[in-house]
Structures are given as structure tokens and as C-alpha cells.
Amino acid sequence: MALFSRSRRLPDPLRRSLDLRADAILASAPLVDGRWAVSARRALHLVGEEGAVRTPWADVDRGSLDAATSTLTVHWVSGARTELALDPDADAWDFAQSFRERVQQSVVHVEHVSVPGARGPVRVALRRDEYGDLFTQVIGDGTVDLGDAAVSRAVAAAEAHVRAEAGLAP
């Protein structure tokens, strides 16, 4: 019943400021800083009085939700992180679920490759961009040295394998 719902709707002026490109909003949640996080089919949007930022889902590596603090940490494929403090008085479950589903939808296949000198494995991901086209992404931590010939060969071989499995050109 709407009368007792804690969820709030994205304000119309903010909705109109989004660059939806014929996209559809799936869920939204207010943030404690006054902005809103918006999950659409093709992209994640952060919108506030200062404007909107649109990021395709393929640029999001993963997210982690700290339920105790209502903070969603967005891990970008670049290695950067953004903490989104969700309004604890709002029901953000739909947004968190949609965020998870959209990131997973963009990932088709992942292979993990151990490379010399890195703290952890490199992930070679086959992903779907916002238009449905497939492409590969190589994601590693800051210790991966692509200048090392052995590392470069291992990553290139893994990427070629992932692309071949999907029927894509090397």
C-alpha cells in the first residue's frame, strides 16, 4: 500500500535531466548527499541539482553493499571506487537488486589468469556493451606489469581464447 511505503520516487526535474537515450529506469534510490542513484537498463546514473553523470554498466566491475551503513561501494573497471551512501530512511532494496542484476547482465564470461608478479589473478571478461555488442575487458590490480613480456603474452593468450570461445575475431 503506497500510504505506508518508505520508498520515494525520483523527483520529476531530476528524471528529466537524465540522458536516457531511449532507455528505461528500473529503480532509483536517494543518497544522503541529496543526489539520487538511478539504475536503467543500459547505464548507471548519478543525478542531483548539479547535473547527472551517466556510466554504462560495462564500466562497472562490481559493487558491494554494506547493509549496516547502507553504503554501496561501486568498483569501476579502472580500479577506482565510489562510495554511495544510500539514504537509510529509504527502501533501497530495489535499487541494490537492480544494480546487481545489471552488472551481471553485462558479463557474459570471465576467465582468471595468473600472471607473474601480480598479487592476484587477472580477469579477462567477455562483456556486453549497452547496445548488446560483445567485447573483451582485461581487469587486474595495480601490480600487473604489461611491460613484462611473459605477462603480456599470458594476458593476450587468455583474451584471444575468450574471444575465440565467443566467435569473435582475435
Protein backbone atom coordinates (compact mmCIF):
# COMPACT_ATOMS: atom_id res chain seq x y z
CA MET A 1 0.00 0.00 0.00
CA ALA A 2 1.55 3.29 -1.10
CA LEU A 3 0.43 5.13 2.03
CA PHE A 4 2.81 3.09 4.18
CA SER A 5 5.65 2.68 1.69
CA ARG A 6 9.08 4.04 2.62
CA SER A 7 10.23 4.19 -0.99
CA ARG A 8 10.39 7.60 -2.58
CA ARG A 9 10.09 8.44 -6.25
CA LEU A 10 12.81 10.12 -8.24
CA PRO A 11 11.73 13.77 -8.48
CA ASP A 12 10.48 14.71 -11.95
CA PRO A 13 13.04 17.53 -12.53
CA LEU A 14 15.87 15.07 -11.86
CA ARG A 15 14.24 12.41 -14.03
CA ARG A 16 14.02 14.88 -16.91
CA SER A 17 17.73 15.73 -16.57
CA LEU A 18 18.80 12.13 -17.23
CA ASP A 19 20.38 11.20 -20.56
CA LEU A 20 18.25 8.09 -21.05
CA ARG A 21 18.78 7.64 -24.83
CA ALA A 22 15.53 5.66 -25.16
CA ASP A 23 16.47 3.73 -22.03
CA ALA A 24 14.13 2.75 -19.19
CA ILE A 25 14.56 3.44 -15.49
CA LEU A 26 14.43 0.24 -13.46
CA ALA A 27 14.98 1.55 -9.93
CA SER A 28 16.25 4.57 -8.05
CA ALA A 29 17.36 5.43 -4.54
CA PRO A 30 18.09 8.69 -2.75
CA LEU A 31 21.60 9.24 -1.41
CA VAL A 32 22.40 11.00 1.86
CA ASP A 33 24.18 13.81 -0.04
CA GLY A 34 20.94 14.75 -1.83
CA ARG A 35 21.75 13.04 -5.13
CA TRP A 36 19.94 10.01 -6.49
CA ALA A 37 21.35 6.75 -7.83
CA VAL A 38 19.36 5.51 -10.81
CA SER A 39 19.56 2.08 -12.38
CA ALA A 40 18.47 1.99 -16.01
CA ARG A 41 18.68 -0.88 -18.48
CA ARG A 42 21.79 0.50 -20.21
CA ALA A 43 23.55 2.62 -17.59
CA LEU A 44 24.00 3.72 -14.01
CA HIS A 45 23.10 7.36 -13.42
CA LEU A 46 24.03 9.61 -10.51
CA VAL A 47 21.89 12.72 -10.57
CA GLY A 48 21.50 15.79 -8.39
CA GLU A 49 20.93 19.51 -8.56
CA GLU A 50 24.39 19.96 -10.16
CA GLY A 51 23.59 17.62 -13.04
CA ALA A 52 23.75 13.97 -14.00
CA VAL A 53 26.55 11.51 -14.69
CA ARG A 54 25.80 8.52 -16.91
CA THR A 55 28.02 5.42 -16.84
CA PRO A 56 27.39 2.32 -18.98
CA TRP A 57 27.16 -0.90 -16.95
CA ALA A 58 30.20 -2.33 -18.75
CA ASP A 59 32.31 0.29 -16.92
CA VAL A 60 31.22 -1.12 -13.56
CA ASP A 61 33.35 -4.01 -12.34
CA ARG A 62 31.27 -4.88 -9.31
CA GLY A 63 29.56 -3.48 -6.25
CA SER A 64 29.47 -4.33 -2.58
CA LEU A 65 26.72 -3.31 -0.19
CA ASP A 66 27.39 -2.73 3.49
CA ALA A 67 23.93 -3.22 4.97
CA ALA A 68 24.99 -1.85 8.36
CA THR A 69 25.91 1.55 6.90
CA SER A 70 23.65 1.48 3.82
CA THR A 71 26.71 2.13 1.66
CA LEU A 72 27.08 0.73 -1.84
CA THR A 73 30.71 0.71 -2.96
CA VAL A 74 30.95 0.79 -6.75
CA HIS A 75 34.17 -0.75 -8.09
CA TRP A 76 34.91 0.61 -11.56
CA VAL A 77 36.87 -1.31 -14.20
CA SER A 78 39.51 1.44 -13.98
CA GLY A 79 40.32 0.31 -10.44
CA ALA A 80 38.72 3.36 -8.83
CA ARG A 81 35.93 3.09 -6.26
CA THR A 82 32.98 5.29 -5.41
CA GLU A 83 31.02 5.00 -2.19
CA LEU A 84 27.33 5.76 -2.48
CA ALA A 85 25.76 6.35 0.93
CA LEU A 86 22.15 5.33 0.43
CA ASP A 87 19.54 7.19 2.46
CA PRO A 88 18.91 4.84 5.42
CA ASP A 89 15.32 6.09 5.71
CA ALA A 90 14.52 4.99 2.17
CA ASP A 91 13.95 1.46 0.96
CA ALA A 92 16.84 0.97 -1.47
CA TRP A 93 16.42 -2.79 -1.91
CA ASP A 94 15.03 -2.48 -5.46
CA PHE A 95 17.94 -0.27 -6.48
CA ALA A 96 20.57 -2.58 -4.95
CA GLN A 97 18.99 -5.62 -6.61
CA SER A 98 18.75 -3.85 -9.97
CA PHE A 99 22.38 -2.71 -9.68
CA ARG A 100 23.49 -6.30 -9.14
CA GLU A 101 21.37 -7.64 -12.00
CA ARG A 102 22.57 -5.01 -14.48
CA VAL A 103 26.25 -5.63 -13.73
CA GLN A 104 25.74 -9.39 -14.02
CA GLN A 105 23.80 -8.96 -17.26
CA SER A 106 26.76 -7.16 -18.81
CA VAL A 107 29.15 -10.03 -18.00
CA VAL A 108 28.92 -12.97 -20.40
CA HIS A 109 32.01 -14.96 -19.40
CA VAL A 110 35.11 -14.48 -17.22
CA GLU A 111 38.42 -16.31 -17.12
CA HIS A 112 41.01 -15.85 -14.39
CA VAL A 113 44.68 -15.84 -15.40
CA SER A 114 47.61 -15.99 -13.01
CA VAL A 115 50.47 -13.80 -14.15
CA PRO A 116 53.96 -13.35 -12.73
CA GLY A 117 54.40 -10.51 -10.26
CA ALA A 118 50.71 -9.75 -9.66
CA ARG A 119 49.05 -10.01 -6.25
CA GLY A 120 46.05 -11.75 -7.72
CA PRO A 121 44.77 -13.14 -10.97
CA VAL A 122 43.91 -11.01 -13.97
CA ARG A 123 40.31 -11.33 -15.10
CA VAL A 124 39.58 -11.48 -18.80
CA ALA A 125 35.89 -10.76 -19.22
CA LEU A 126 33.63 -11.06 -22.20
CA ARG A 127 31.08 -8.30 -21.71
CA ARG A 128 28.04 -6.87 -23.40
CA ASP A 129 28.01 -3.12 -24.03
CA GLU A 130 24.89 -1.01 -23.72
CA TYR A 131 23.88 -1.83 -27.30
CA GLY A 132 24.35 -5.59 -26.90
CA ASP A 133 27.68 -5.84 -28.72
CA LEU A 134 30.29 -8.17 -27.21
CA PHE A 135 33.80 -7.05 -26.30
CA THR A 136 36.60 -8.16 -24.01
CA GLN A 137 37.91 -6.41 -20.95
CA VAL A 138 41.10 -7.19 -19.06
CA ILE A 139 40.89 -6.27 -15.38
CA GLY A 140 43.81 -6.55 -12.99
CA ASP A 141 45.12 -4.79 -9.94
CA GLY A 142 47.86 -2.18 -9.95
CA THR A 143 50.58 -4.84 -9.70
CA VAL A 144 50.07 -6.21 -13.22
CA ASP A 145 53.02 -5.21 -15.41
CA LEU A 146 52.01 -5.45 -19.06
CA GLY A 147 55.52 -4.27 -19.94
CA ASP A 148 56.76 -7.70 -18.85
CA ALA A 149 56.77 -9.91 -21.97
CA ALA A 150 55.61 -13.03 -20.08
CA VAL A 151 52.69 -11.16 -18.52
CA SER A 152 51.74 -9.57 -21.82
CA ARG A 153 51.80 -12.95 -23.61
CA ALA A 154 49.68 -14.63 -20.91
CA VAL A 155 47.07 -11.86 -20.97
CA ALA A 156 46.98 -11.76 -24.79
CA ALA A 157 46.57 -15.56 -24.97
CA ALA A 158 43.73 -15.51 -22.42
CA GLU A 159 41.99 -12.67 -24.24
CA ALA A 160 42.36 -14.47 -27.59
CA HIS A 161 40.91 -17.63 -26.02
CA VAL A 162 37.90 -15.79 -24.57
CA ARG A 163 37.26 -14.03 -27.88
CA ALA A 164 37.56 -17.31 -29.83
CA GLU A 165 35.11 -19.04 -27.47
CA ALA A 166 32.56 -16.35 -28.33
CA GLY A 167 33.29 -16.48 -32.05
CA LEU A 168 34.89 -13.04 -32.07
CA ALA A 169 37.94 -12.12 -34.13
CA PRO A 170 41.23 -12.08 -32.18
